[in-house]
Amino acid sequence: MIQDHSGLIWAGGENGVMVFHPDSLLVDDSQYSWLHFEKNNPESLNNNIVKTILEDSEHRVWIGTSGGGLNLATQNPSTGGFKLKHYTSEEGLINNMIQAMLEENKQNIWISTESGISKFNPTDMVFENYSFLDVWESDLFCQASAYKRKNGDLMFGSYNGMYIFNPSSFDARNFT
């Protein structure tokens, strides 16, 4: 769950994402948006099981799902409705089972999954993937286990421990 820059609450779970402004919802309980999978709508959420939500420094909201990969939510200013753009393994994501996301200081988004880590450049829409099976016992990361330190280091929890790295000097070949 996050509260974005405009005050909207984004609450994800096993049945999609509820988006609402808390003050509006108190006045009228129908004042919310429900983002969920709709079979005949290619701009809907592509998987209802939401693991993580991130608002980046450009105020874009990214939704990480269990099996549907990454979804970028954009709001239509005239209607207030949302459409979602999908980024999956077909676009280069290492695995569609997203566990956590962090934005680094250079505005790349680091995404932990059940099979390693992807670094996503939202400007170029390019993924770089890192699999660590040769140096770690497992590439399986834990859900919602991520933290960005004040010095810019990123921390991701896995079933093999906590991994800490500085994204500006990250070299997967030397990482243990």
C-alpha atoms as a PDB file:
ATOM      1  CA  MET A   1       0.000   0.000   0.000  1.00  0.00           C
ATOM      2  CA  ILE A   2       1.224   3.492  -0.826  1.00  0.00           C
ATOM      3  CA  GLN A   3      -0.063   7.039  -0.736  1.00  0.00           C
ATOM      4  CA  ASP A   4       0.984   8.881  -3.888  1.00  0.00           C
ATOM      5  CA  HIS A   5       1.996  12.531  -4.306  1.00  0.00           C
ATOM      6  CA  SER A   6      -1.625  13.602  -4.886  1.00  0.00           C
ATOM      7  CA  GLY A   7      -2.923  11.878  -1.755  1.00  0.00           C
ATOM      8  CA  LEU A   8      -4.422   8.814  -3.446  1.00  0.00           C
ATOM      9  CA  ILE A   9      -4.133   5.516  -1.585  1.00  0.00           C
ATOM     10  CA  TRP A  10      -3.169   2.503  -3.718  1.00  0.00           C
ATOM     11  CA  ALA A  11      -3.990  -0.722  -1.882  1.00  0.00           C
ATOM     12  CA  GLY A  12      -3.089  -3.987  -3.585  1.00  0.00           C
ATOM     13  CA  GLY A  13      -3.908  -7.524  -2.617  1.00  0.00           C
ATOM     14  CA  GLU A  14      -5.261 -10.777  -4.010  1.00  0.00           C
ATOM     15  CA  ASN A  15      -8.013  -9.111  -6.051  1.00  0.00           C
ATOM     16  CA  GLY A  16      -6.313  -6.192  -7.786  1.00  0.00           C
ATOM     17  CA  VAL A  17      -5.782  -2.631  -6.579  1.00  0.00           C
ATOM     18  CA  MET A  18      -8.188  -0.194  -4.947  1.00  0.00           C
ATOM     19  CA  VAL A  19      -7.359   3.471  -5.622  1.00  0.00           C
ATOM     20  CA  PHE A  20      -9.065   6.177  -3.587  1.00  0.00           C
ATOM     21  CA  HIS A  21      -8.640   9.489  -1.841  1.00  0.00           C
ATOM     22  CA  PRO A  22      -9.364   8.892   1.857  1.00  0.00           C
ATOM     23  CA  ASP A  23     -11.283  12.144   2.354  1.00  0.00           C
ATOM     24  CA  SER A  24     -13.532  11.513  -0.667  1.00  0.00           C
ATOM     25  CA  LEU A  25     -14.201   7.925   0.357  1.00  0.00           C
ATOM     26  CA  LEU A  26     -15.388   9.061   3.788  1.00  0.00           C
ATOM     27  CA  VAL A  27     -17.975  11.336   2.166  1.00  0.00           C
ATOM     28  CA  ASP A  28     -19.093   8.899  -0.571  1.00  0.00           C
ATOM     29  CA  ASP A  29     -18.168   5.218  -0.352  1.00  0.00           C
ATOM     30  CA  SER A  30     -18.487   4.839  -4.137  1.00  0.00           C
ATOM     31  CA  GLN A  31     -15.553   7.210  -4.789  1.00  0.00           C
ATOM     32  CA  TYR A  32     -12.841   4.690  -5.674  1.00  0.00           C
ATOM     33  CA  SER A  33     -11.344   2.913  -8.663  1.00  0.00           C
ATOM     34  CA  TRP A  34     -10.844  -0.841  -8.747  1.00  0.00           C
ATOM     35  CA  LEU A  35      -8.022  -1.937 -11.014  1.00  0.00           C
ATOM     36  CA  HIS A  36      -8.353  -5.610 -11.823  1.00  0.00           C
ATOM     37  CA  PHE A  37      -7.929  -8.128 -14.626  1.00  0.00           C
ATOM     38  CA  GLU A  38     -10.574  -7.932 -17.332  1.00  0.00           C
ATOM     39  CA  LYS A  39     -10.247 -10.601 -20.014  1.00  0.00           C
ATOM     40  CA  ASN A  40     -11.458  -8.390 -22.878  1.00  0.00           C
ATOM     41  CA  ASN A  41      -9.620  -5.227 -21.811  1.00  0.00           C
ATOM     42  CA  PRO A  42      -5.918  -5.164 -22.796  1.00  0.00           C
ATOM     43  CA  GLU A  43      -5.454  -1.987 -20.716  1.00  0.00           C
ATOM     44  CA  SER A  44      -6.603  -3.617 -17.475  1.00  0.00           C
ATOM     45  CA  LEU A  45      -4.350  -5.037 -14.765  1.00  0.00           C
ATOM     46  CA  ASN A  46      -2.887  -8.228 -16.211  1.00  0.00           C
ATOM     47  CA  ASN A  47      -2.889 -10.209 -12.951  1.00  0.00           C
ATOM     48  CA  ASN A  48      -5.002  -9.665  -9.841  1.00  0.00           C
ATOM     49  CA  ILE A  49      -2.389 -10.785  -7.306  1.00  0.00           C
ATOM     50  CA  VAL A  50      -0.523  -7.584  -6.449  1.00  0.00           C
ATOM     51  CA  LYS A  51       2.751  -7.966  -4.557  1.00  0.00           C
ATOM     52  CA  THR A  52       4.158  -4.415  -4.567  1.00  0.00           C
ATOM     53  CA  ILE A  53       3.355  -0.843  -5.629  1.00  0.00           C
ATOM     54  CA  LEU A  54       5.871   1.936  -6.244  1.00  0.00           C
ATOM     55  CA  GLU A  55       5.500   5.607  -7.102  1.00  0.00           C
ATOM     56  CA  ASP A  56       8.690   6.799  -8.780  1.00  0.00           C
ATOM     57  CA  SER A  57      10.258  10.262  -8.722  1.00  0.00           C
ATOM     58  CA  GLU A  58       8.349  11.185 -11.895  1.00  0.00           C
ATOM     59  CA  HIS A  59       5.071  10.345 -10.070  1.00  0.00           C
ATOM     60  CA  ARG A  60       4.445   7.231 -12.191  1.00  0.00           C
ATOM     61  CA  VAL A  61       2.787   4.377 -10.349  1.00  0.00           C
ATOM     62  CA  TRP A  62       4.171   0.895 -10.986  1.00  0.00           C
ATOM     63  CA  ILE A  63       2.337  -2.245  -9.885  1.00  0.00           C
ATOM     64  CA  GLY A  64       4.212  -5.527  -9.481  1.00  0.00           C
ATOM     65  CA  THR A  65       2.151  -8.679  -9.744  1.00  0.00           C
ATOM     66  CA  SER A  66       2.518 -12.389  -9.130  1.00  0.00           C
ATOM     67  CA  GLY A  67       2.602 -13.786 -12.645  1.00  0.00           C
ATOM     68  CA  GLY A  68       1.681 -10.700 -14.669  1.00  0.00           C
ATOM     69  CA  GLY A  69       4.951  -8.827 -14.304  1.00  0.00           C
ATOM     70  CA  LEU A  70       5.055  -5.044 -14.144  1.00  0.00           C
ATOM     71  CA  ASN A  71       2.121  -2.696 -14.823  1.00  0.00           C
ATOM     72  CA  LEU A  72       2.368   1.072 -15.317  1.00  0.00           C
ATOM     73  CA  ALA A  73      -0.841   2.862 -14.271  1.00  0.00           C
ATOM     74  CA  THR A  74      -1.728   6.119 -15.984  1.00  0.00           C
ATOM     75  CA  GLN A  75      -4.798   8.192 -15.241  1.00  0.00           C
ATOM     76  CA  ASN A  76      -6.893   9.898 -17.877  1.00  0.00           C
ATOM     77  CA  PRO A  77      -7.253  13.465 -16.561  1.00  0.00           C
ATOM     78  CA  SER A  78     -10.643  14.030 -18.196  1.00  0.00           C
ATOM     79  CA  THR A  79     -12.349  10.784 -17.107  1.00  0.00           C
ATOM     80  CA  GLY A  80     -10.341   9.913 -13.995  1.00  0.00           C
ATOM     81  CA  GLY A  81     -10.103   6.304 -15.220  1.00  0.00           C
ATOM     82  CA  PHE A  82      -6.875   4.325 -15.325  1.00  0.00           C
ATOM     83  CA  LYS A  83      -5.212   2.344 -18.070  1.00  0.00           C
ATOM     84  CA  LEU A  84      -2.334  -0.044 -17.535  1.00  0.00           C
ATOM     85  CA  LYS A  85       0.664  -0.776 -19.728  1.00  0.00           C
ATOM     86  CA  HIS A  86       2.227  -4.190 -19.222  1.00  0.00           C
ATOM     87  CA  TYR A  87       5.900  -5.144 -19.041  1.00  0.00           C
ATOM     88  CA  THR A  88       6.478  -8.886 -18.813  1.00  0.00           C
ATOM     89  CA  SER A  89       9.167 -11.408 -19.669  1.00  0.00           C
ATOM     90  CA  GLU A  90       8.153 -10.854 -23.305  1.00  0.00           C
ATOM     91  CA  GLU A  91       9.464  -7.268 -22.986  1.00  0.00           C
ATOM     92  CA  GLY A  92      12.613  -8.429 -21.165  1.00  0.00           C
ATOM     93  CA  LEU A  93      11.672  -8.721 -17.463  1.00  0.00           C
ATOM     94  CA  ILE A  94      13.648 -11.605 -15.925  1.00  0.00           C
ATOM     95  CA  ASN A  95      10.539 -13.213 -14.360  1.00  0.00           C
ATOM     96  CA  ASN A  96       6.846 -12.287 -14.088  1.00  0.00           C
ATOM     97  CA  MET A  97       6.670 -13.114 -10.361  1.00  0.00           C
ATOM     98  CA  ILE A  98       7.607  -9.723  -8.904  1.00  0.00           C
ATOM     99  CA  GLN A  99       8.442  -9.563  -5.203  1.00  0.00           C
ATOM    100  CA  ALA A 100       9.633  -5.970  -4.544  1.00  0.00           C
ATOM    101  CA  MET A 101      10.677  -2.766  -6.347  1.00  0.00           C
ATOM    102  CA  LEU A 102      12.954   0.174  -5.565  1.00  0.00           C
ATOM    103  CA  GLU A 103      13.923   3.264  -7.521  1.00  0.00           C
ATOM    104  CA  GLU A 104      17.616   4.145  -7.501  1.00  0.00           C
ATOM    105  CA  ASN A 105      19.047   7.674  -7.587  1.00  0.00           C
ATOM    106  CA  LYS A 106      19.442   7.530 -11.392  1.00  0.00           C
ATOM    107  CA  GLN A 107      15.696   6.760 -11.680  1.00  0.00           C
ATOM    108  CA  ASN A 108      16.123   3.136 -12.773  1.00  0.00           C
ATOM    109  CA  ILE A 109      13.740   0.714 -11.100  1.00  0.00           C
ATOM    110  CA  TRP A 110      15.221  -2.427  -9.574  1.00  0.00           C
ATOM    111  CA  ILE A 111      12.790  -5.330  -9.436  1.00  0.00           C
ATOM    112  CA  SER A 112      13.332  -8.465  -7.370  1.00  0.00           C
ATOM    113  CA  THR A 113      11.550 -11.583  -8.591  1.00  0.00           C
ATOM    114  CA  GLU A 114      11.418 -15.295  -7.996  1.00  0.00           C
ATOM    115  CA  SER A 115      14.305 -15.723 -10.476  1.00  0.00           C
ATOM    116  CA  GLY A 116      16.742 -12.867  -9.945  1.00  0.00           C
ATOM    117  CA  ILE A 117      16.713  -9.091 -10.331  1.00  0.00           C
ATOM    118  CA  SER A 118      15.829  -6.823 -13.248  1.00  0.00           C
ATOM    119  CA  LYS A 119      16.985  -3.244 -13.618  1.00  0.00           C
ATOM    120  CA  PHE A 120      14.428  -1.300 -15.654  1.00  0.00           C
ATOM    121  CA  ASN A 121      15.146   2.015 -17.341  1.00  0.00           C
ATOM    122  CA  PRO A 122      11.693   3.648 -17.640  1.00  0.00           C
ATOM    123  CA  THR A 123      12.968   6.277 -20.097  1.00  0.00           C
ATOM    124  CA  ASP A 124      14.312   3.781 -22.637  1.00  0.00           C
ATOM    125  CA  MET A 125      11.967   0.950 -21.575  1.00  0.00           C
ATOM    126  CA  VAL A 126      14.929  -1.434 -21.378  1.00  0.00           C
ATOM    127  CA  PHE A 127      15.565  -4.249 -18.893  1.00  0.00           C
ATOM    128  CA  GLU A 128      18.930  -5.541 -17.688  1.00  0.00           C
ATOM    129  CA  ASN A 129      18.640  -8.894 -15.945  1.00  0.00           C
ATOM    130  CA  TYR A 130      20.803 -10.444 -13.271  1.00  0.00           C
ATOM    131  CA  SER A 131      20.677 -14.097 -12.281  1.00  0.00           C
ATOM    132  CA  PHE A 132      22.897 -15.126  -9.402  1.00  0.00           C
ATOM    133  CA  LEU A 133      22.523 -18.894  -9.300  1.00  0.00           C
ATOM    134  CA  ASP A 134      26.269 -19.326  -9.765  1.00  0.00           C
ATOM    135  CA  VAL A 135      27.130 -17.272  -6.639  1.00  0.00           C
ATOM    136  CA  TRP A 136      23.984 -17.565  -4.518  1.00  0.00           C
ATOM    137  CA  GLU A 137      22.089 -20.604  -3.380  1.00  0.00           C
ATOM    138  CA  SER A 138      18.866 -19.164  -4.740  1.00  0.00           C
ATOM    139  CA  ASP A 139      17.509 -16.365  -6.918  1.00  0.00           C
ATOM    140  CA  LEU A 140      14.223 -16.423  -4.986  1.00  0.00           C
ATOM    141  CA  PHE A 141      13.611 -13.071  -3.310  1.00  0.00           C
ATOM    142  CA  CYS A 142      11.116 -12.374  -0.528  1.00  0.00           C
ATOM    143  CA  GLN A 143       7.888 -10.448  -1.015  1.00  0.00           C
ATOM    144  CA  ALA A 144       7.973  -6.761   0.040  1.00  0.00           C
ATOM    145  CA  SER A 145      11.520  -7.113   1.375  1.00  0.00           C
ATOM    146  CA  ALA A 146      13.371  -4.118  -0.025  1.00  0.00           C
ATOM    147  CA  TYR A 147      14.826  -0.878   1.295  1.00  0.00           C
ATOM    148  CA  LYS A 148      16.790   2.051  -0.132  1.00  0.00           C
ATOM    149  CA  ARG A 149      19.424   3.407   2.253  1.00  0.00           C
ATOM    150  CA  LYS A 150      20.228   7.130   2.533  1.00  0.00           C
ATOM    151  CA  ASN A 151      23.555   6.565   0.763  1.00  0.00           C
ATOM    152  CA  GLY A 152      21.736   5.071  -2.262  1.00  0.00           C
ATOM    153  CA  ASP A 153      22.479   1.427  -1.499  1.00  0.00           C
ATOM    154  CA  LEU A 154      19.642  -0.959  -2.283  1.00  0.00           C
ATOM    155  CA  MET A 155      18.756  -3.843  -0.002  1.00  0.00           C
ATOM    156  CA  PHE A 156      16.733  -6.874  -1.106  1.00  0.00           C
ATOM    157  CA  GLY A 157      15.794  -9.784   1.111  1.00  0.00           C
ATOM    158  CA  SER A 158      15.966 -13.311  -0.230  1.00  0.00           C
ATOM    159  CA  TYR A 159      15.574 -16.760   1.227  1.00  0.00           C
ATOM    160  CA  ASN A 160      19.384 -16.836   1.311  1.00  0.00           C
ATOM    161  CA  GLY A 161      19.801 -13.603   3.298  1.00  0.00           C
ATOM    162  CA  MET A 162      19.895  -9.846   2.748  1.00  0.00           C
ATOM    163  CA  TYR A 163      21.749  -8.532  -0.288  1.00  0.00           C
ATOM    164  CA  ILE A 164      23.053  -4.963  -0.325  1.00  0.00           C
ATOM    165  CA  PHE A 165      24.576  -3.152  -3.300  1.00  0.00           C
ATOM    166  CA  ASN A 166      25.150   0.295  -4.694  1.00  0.00           C
ATOM    167  CA  PRO A 167      23.457   0.432  -8.119  1.00  0.00           C
ATOM    168  CA  SER A 168      25.915   2.981  -9.540  1.00  0.00           C
ATOM    169  CA  SER A 169      28.827   0.576  -9.038  1.00  0.00           C
ATOM    170  CA  PHE A 170      26.931  -2.698  -9.368  1.00  0.00           C
ATOM    171  CA  ASP A 171      28.779  -5.433 -11.235  1.00  0.00           C
ATOM    172  CA  ALA A 172      27.016  -8.775 -11.114  1.00  0.00           C
ATOM    173  CA  ARG A 173      30.262 -10.614 -11.943  1.00  0.00           C
ATOM    174  CA  ASN A 174      31.857  -9.417  -8.700  1.00  0.00           C
ATOM    175  CA  PHE A 175      28.806  -9.683  -6.478  1.00  0.00           C
ATOM    176  CA  THR A 176      28.777 -12.315  -3.750  1.00  0.00           C
END
